[in-house]
Amino acid sequence: MKKTILAMAFTAMTAFAAQAAEKLVIGTEGAYPPFNFVSADGKVGGFDVEIGLALCAEMKVECDVVTQDWDGIIPALQAKKFDFMIASMFITPERAEKVAFTKSYYKAPMTHIAQKGANITDFSNEGLKGKVIGAQAGTTQAEYAAATYPDLDVKLYPTQDEVNLDMINGRLDVQIGDMLPMMDWLSKDGAKCCELVGAPIADPKFIGEGAGIAVRKDDTELLAKLNAAIDAIRANGKYAEINKKYFPIDIYEMK
């Protein structure tokens, strides 16, 4: 009888441990609409978040979502504050030295946004002489601005919302941002002040292979599961359902 009780207890403990292991935490920024944001009632939402939760459902695991400031998002992942990070982070060699990325879950170029009526046509370092350029710090947009405009006044901001606000208030002449969030912003708060200008910025040196989901380097099993789940939600229509909610085009292979 004692052996039976011990066996039952062991089975129960094993089952409990398995259940506990089935819960993951997703990290995102929460300040990059429409990809990730915190609504007025405090809920975290957006394309990134919905894709992340769809992947959890496909992997049959329960997931919670937490937010983290952009400049500390990779250190927070490394410190195990969350299990995987989905925050519209472009896959670049520099970042891949710190974390492991899944395959791209969407692709999008960057773009210039200028004040309406500025009539800017030359986007070279010389062509934008005297202009003030804005971008979010720690992003590929900031890297592009530093490399392309070494002689200009480039202002970097902690969040994209702060870049947008200074565009609205006329403190910036031009900003560099991801095309999809910028198109969304121009259809709303930025409609009166600003416009998309110039050709899309699609240099792989800056936009990499697209946006990827990051995990810690040693989480190879989770990485494989996420890659399989991306394929699955593409195949079963869940990705398309979420995509349609936020964008009029399929952004998975956008160029």
Protein backbone atom coordinates (compact mmCIF):
# COMPACT_ATOMS: atom_id res chain seq x y z
CA MET A 1 0.00 0.00 0.00
CA LYS A 2 2.81 2.40 0.94
CA LYS A 3 4.48 1.78 -2.45
CA THR A 4 1.18 2.42 -4.22
CA ILE A 5 0.68 5.71 -2.39
CA LEU A 6 4.24 6.78 -3.14
CA ALA A 7 3.78 5.85 -6.81
CA MET A 8 0.54 7.86 -6.97
CA ALA A 9 2.21 10.83 -5.31
CA PHE A 10 5.13 10.64 -7.72
CA THR A 11 2.73 10.50 -10.69
CA ALA A 12 0.82 13.52 -9.37
CA MET A 13 4.03 15.47 -8.83
CA THR A 14 5.24 14.60 -12.33
CA ALA A 15 1.92 15.71 -13.83
CA PHE A 16 2.07 18.96 -11.84
CA ALA A 17 5.63 19.63 -13.01
CA ALA A 18 4.62 18.96 -16.60
CA GLN A 19 1.70 21.40 -16.27
CA ALA A 20 3.97 24.03 -14.74
CA ALA A 21 6.42 23.64 -17.60
CA GLU A 22 3.63 24.28 -20.11
CA LYS A 23 3.40 27.99 -19.23
CA LEU A 24 5.58 30.51 -21.06
CA VAL A 25 6.03 34.26 -20.82
CA ILE A 26 6.11 36.42 -23.95
CA GLY A 27 8.05 39.69 -23.90
CA THR A 28 7.19 42.67 -26.12
CA GLU A 29 7.76 46.42 -26.09
CA GLY A 30 4.18 47.68 -25.82
CA ALA A 31 4.97 51.01 -27.49
CA TYR A 32 5.03 50.27 -31.21
CA PRO A 33 1.49 50.34 -32.64
CA PRO A 34 -0.02 48.60 -34.49
CA PHE A 35 2.50 45.83 -33.77
CA ASN A 36 2.50 46.11 -29.99
CA PHE A 37 0.83 48.56 -27.64
CA VAL A 38 -0.85 48.98 -24.26
CA SER A 39 -4.49 50.04 -24.53
CA ALA A 40 -6.21 52.55 -22.27
CA ASP A 41 -7.47 49.74 -20.04
CA GLY A 42 -3.93 48.40 -19.57
CA LYS A 43 -4.16 45.41 -21.89
CA VAL A 44 -1.25 44.54 -24.17
CA GLY A 45 -2.27 44.02 -27.80
CA GLY A 46 -1.21 44.37 -31.41
CA PHE A 47 -0.10 42.21 -34.32
CA ASP A 48 3.03 40.94 -32.54
CA VAL A 49 1.08 39.98 -29.45
CA GLU A 50 -1.69 38.20 -31.34
CA ILE A 51 0.85 36.28 -33.42
CA GLY A 52 2.72 35.32 -30.26
CA LEU A 53 -0.45 34.04 -28.59
CA ALA A 54 -1.44 32.15 -31.76
CA LEU A 55 1.95 30.43 -31.69
CA CYS A 56 1.40 29.49 -28.04
CA ALA A 57 -2.00 28.02 -28.92
CA GLU A 58 -0.40 26.04 -31.76
CA MET A 59 2.28 24.75 -29.37
CA LYS A 60 -0.46 23.97 -26.84
CA VAL A 61 1.08 26.04 -24.08
CA GLU A 62 -0.39 28.75 -21.88
CA CYS A 63 1.30 32.13 -22.25
CA ASP A 64 1.33 35.44 -20.39
CA VAL A 65 2.49 38.70 -21.98
CA VAL A 66 4.76 41.28 -20.33
CA THR A 67 6.21 44.54 -21.62
CA GLN A 68 9.78 45.76 -21.53
CA ASP A 69 11.42 49.02 -22.66
CA TRP A 70 13.12 48.57 -26.03
CA ASP A 71 16.64 49.45 -24.91
CA GLY A 72 16.56 46.66 -22.31
CA ILE A 73 14.57 44.04 -24.17
CA ILE A 74 17.46 41.74 -25.17
CA PRO A 75 19.11 41.88 -21.69
CA ALA A 76 15.70 41.11 -20.15
CA LEU A 77 15.35 38.02 -22.37
CA GLN A 78 18.86 36.91 -21.44
CA ALA A 79 18.01 37.45 -17.76
CA LYS A 80 15.01 35.09 -18.16
CA LYS A 81 12.35 37.72 -17.47
CA PHE A 82 10.45 36.08 -20.32
CA ASP A 83 10.85 33.00 -22.50
CA PHE A 84 10.63 34.49 -25.97
CA MET A 85 10.42 37.98 -27.37
CA ILE A 86 8.19 39.13 -30.22
CA ALA A 87 8.52 42.88 -30.76
CA SER A 88 9.08 43.58 -34.46
CA MET A 89 12.83 43.11 -34.07
CA PHE A 90 14.69 42.82 -37.38
CA ILE A 91 17.10 39.91 -37.61
CA THR A 92 20.63 41.31 -37.91
CA PRO A 93 24.07 39.69 -37.46
CA GLU A 94 24.83 41.89 -34.44
CA ARG A 95 21.65 40.85 -32.64
CA ALA A 96 22.09 37.22 -33.66
CA GLU A 97 25.32 37.19 -31.64
CA LYS A 98 23.25 37.75 -28.49
CA VAL A 99 20.04 35.79 -29.12
CA ALA A 100 18.72 33.09 -31.43
CA PHE A 101 16.06 34.08 -33.96
CA THR A 102 13.27 32.13 -35.54
CA LYS A 103 12.62 32.42 -39.26
CA SER A 104 11.12 35.79 -40.22
CA TYR A 105 7.44 36.17 -39.31
CA TYR A 106 7.06 39.31 -41.44
CA LYS A 107 9.11 41.51 -43.74
CA ALA A 108 8.87 45.24 -44.32
CA PRO A 109 11.10 48.05 -45.56
CA MET A 110 11.83 51.29 -43.75
CA THR A 111 10.85 54.71 -45.02
CA HIS A 112 11.37 58.47 -44.66
CA ILE A 113 8.61 60.66 -43.25
CA ALA A 114 8.81 64.42 -43.82
CA GLN A 115 6.82 67.48 -42.91
CA LYS A 116 4.10 68.15 -45.49
CA GLY A 117 5.11 70.56 -48.22
CA ALA A 118 8.83 70.23 -47.53
CA ASN A 119 9.38 69.06 -51.12
CA ILE A 120 12.37 66.90 -50.22
CA THR A 121 13.59 64.80 -53.14
CA ASP A 122 17.27 64.22 -52.35
CA PHE A 123 17.74 61.87 -49.40
CA SER A 124 21.53 61.84 -49.41
CA ASN A 125 23.69 63.27 -46.64
CA GLU A 126 24.26 66.39 -48.74
CA GLY A 127 20.63 66.60 -49.89
CA LEU A 128 19.33 66.78 -46.30
CA LYS A 129 21.97 69.27 -45.16
CA GLY A 130 20.56 71.48 -42.41
CA LYS A 131 17.68 69.14 -41.64
CA VAL A 132 17.03 67.51 -38.26
CA ILE A 133 16.51 63.74 -38.48
CA GLY A 134 14.73 61.59 -35.90
CA ALA A 135 14.63 57.86 -35.14
CA GLN A 136 14.07 55.50 -32.22
CA ALA A 137 17.27 54.63 -30.40
CA GLY A 138 18.59 51.08 -30.58
CA THR A 139 16.76 50.29 -33.81
CA THR A 140 17.83 49.54 -37.37
CA GLN A 141 16.36 52.93 -38.28
CA ALA A 142 18.83 54.58 -35.93
CA GLU A 143 21.66 52.55 -37.47
CA TYR A 144 20.58 53.63 -40.94
CA ALA A 145 20.40 57.29 -39.88
CA ALA A 146 23.88 57.20 -38.34
CA ALA A 147 25.41 55.51 -41.39
CA THR A 148 23.62 57.58 -44.03
CA TYR A 149 23.65 61.00 -42.38
CA PRO A 150 26.98 61.31 -40.51
CA ASP A 151 27.07 65.12 -40.89
CA LEU A 152 23.48 65.83 -39.87
CA ASP A 153 21.75 66.44 -36.56
CA VAL A 154 20.30 63.00 -35.79
CA LYS A 155 18.11 62.89 -32.68
CA LEU A 156 17.37 59.53 -31.08
CA TYR A 157 14.42 58.83 -28.80
CA PRO A 158 13.57 56.05 -26.31
CA THR A 159 10.24 55.26 -28.03
CA GLN A 160 8.66 55.64 -31.44
CA ASP A 161 5.81 57.65 -29.89
CA GLU A 162 8.31 60.33 -28.86
CA VAL A 163 9.71 60.53 -32.40
CA ASN A 164 6.19 60.91 -33.76
CA LEU A 165 5.33 63.61 -31.22
CA ASP A 166 8.33 65.72 -32.21
CA MET A 167 7.35 65.34 -35.87
CA ILE A 168 3.86 66.63 -35.04
CA ASN A 169 5.31 69.54 -33.08
CA GLY A 170 7.71 70.46 -35.91
CA ARG A 171 10.90 69.73 -33.98
CA LEU A 172 12.01 67.26 -36.66
CA ASP A 173 12.22 67.75 -40.41
CA VAL A 174 12.44 64.07 -41.26
CA GLN A 175 12.16 60.80 -39.43
CA ILE A 176 13.09 57.26 -40.42
CA GLY A 177 10.71 54.49 -39.43
CA ASP A 178 9.40 51.09 -40.38
CA MET A 179 7.01 51.53 -43.29
CA LEU A 180 4.00 49.67 -41.86
CA PRO A 181 3.80 51.48 -38.50
CA MET A 182 4.45 54.77 -40.29
CA MET A 183 1.60 54.16 -42.73
CA ASP A 184 -0.67 53.42 -39.76
CA TRP A 185 0.46 56.59 -37.96
CA LEU A 186 -0.02 58.73 -41.07
CA SER A 187 -3.60 57.52 -41.33
CA LYS A 188 -4.24 58.75 -37.77
CA ASP A 189 -2.26 61.18 -35.59
CA GLY A 190 0.27 62.09 -38.28
CA ALA A 191 -2.26 62.81 -41.02
CA LYS A 192 -2.16 66.60 -40.69
CA CYS A 193 1.57 67.19 -40.28
CA CYS A 194 3.44 64.66 -42.28
CA GLU A 195 3.77 62.46 -45.33
CA LEU A 196 5.68 59.43 -46.57
CA VAL A 197 8.42 60.47 -49.00
CA GLY A 198 11.09 58.83 -51.11
CA ALA A 199 11.61 55.23 -52.11
CA PRO A 200 11.30 52.39 -49.55
CA ILE A 201 14.55 51.60 -47.71
CA ALA A 202 15.06 47.89 -48.34
CA ASP A 203 18.83 47.49 -47.90
CA PRO A 204 19.38 44.05 -46.27
CA LYS A 205 22.29 45.57 -44.36
CA PHE A 206 19.72 47.40 -42.23
CA ILE A 207 16.45 45.47 -42.44
CA GLY A 208 18.15 42.07 -42.32
CA GLU A 209 16.04 39.02 -43.12
CA GLY A 210 12.86 40.53 -41.69
CA ALA A 211 11.43 40.52 -38.17
CA GLY A 212 12.12 37.46 -36.05
CA ILE A 213 11.13 36.06 -32.68
CA ALA A 214 14.04 35.90 -30.26
CA VAL A 215 14.88 33.22 -27.71
CA ARG A 216 17.93 32.60 -25.56
CA LYS A 217 20.81 30.92 -27.38
CA ASP A 218 20.44 27.65 -25.48
CA ASP A 219 16.67 27.34 -25.97
CA THR A 220 17.00 25.23 -29.11
CA GLU A 221 13.89 23.15 -28.41
CA LEU A 222 11.69 26.24 -28.03
CA LEU A 223 13.23 27.72 -31.17
CA ALA A 224 12.32 24.61 -33.18
CA LYS A 225 8.77 24.62 -31.80
CA LEU A 226 8.28 28.29 -32.67
CA ASN A 227 9.52 27.75 -36.23
CA ALA A 228 7.13 24.82 -36.66
CA ALA A 229 4.28 26.88 -35.19
CA ILE A 230 4.96 29.75 -37.62
CA ASP A 231 4.63 27.31 -40.52
CA ALA A 232 1.47 25.89 -39.00
CA ILE A 233 -0.39 29.18 -38.55
CA ARG A 234 0.59 30.19 -42.07
CA ALA A 235 -0.86 26.93 -43.37
CA ASN A 236 -4.07 26.86 -41.32
CA GLY A 237 -5.10 30.47 -41.98
CA LYS A 238 -4.62 31.87 -38.48
CA TYR A 239 -1.77 34.12 -39.60
CA ALA A 240 -3.90 35.49 -42.45
CA GLU A 241 -6.77 36.15 -40.02
CA ILE A 242 -4.56 38.22 -37.72
CA ASN A 243 -2.77 39.92 -40.62
CA LYS A 244 -6.09 41.06 -42.13
CA LYS A 245 -7.12 42.62 -38.83
CA TYR A 246 -4.17 45.03 -38.95
CA PHE A 247 -3.01 45.36 -42.58
CA PRO A 248 -4.62 45.41 -46.04
CA ILE A 249 -1.79 43.32 -47.54
CA ASP A 250 0.03 40.11 -46.59
CA ILE A 251 3.12 41.32 -44.75
CA TYR A 252 4.77 37.90 -44.48
CA GLU A 253 6.68 38.35 -47.74
CA MET A 254 6.36 42.12 -48.20
CA LYS A 255 9.33 43.78 -49.96
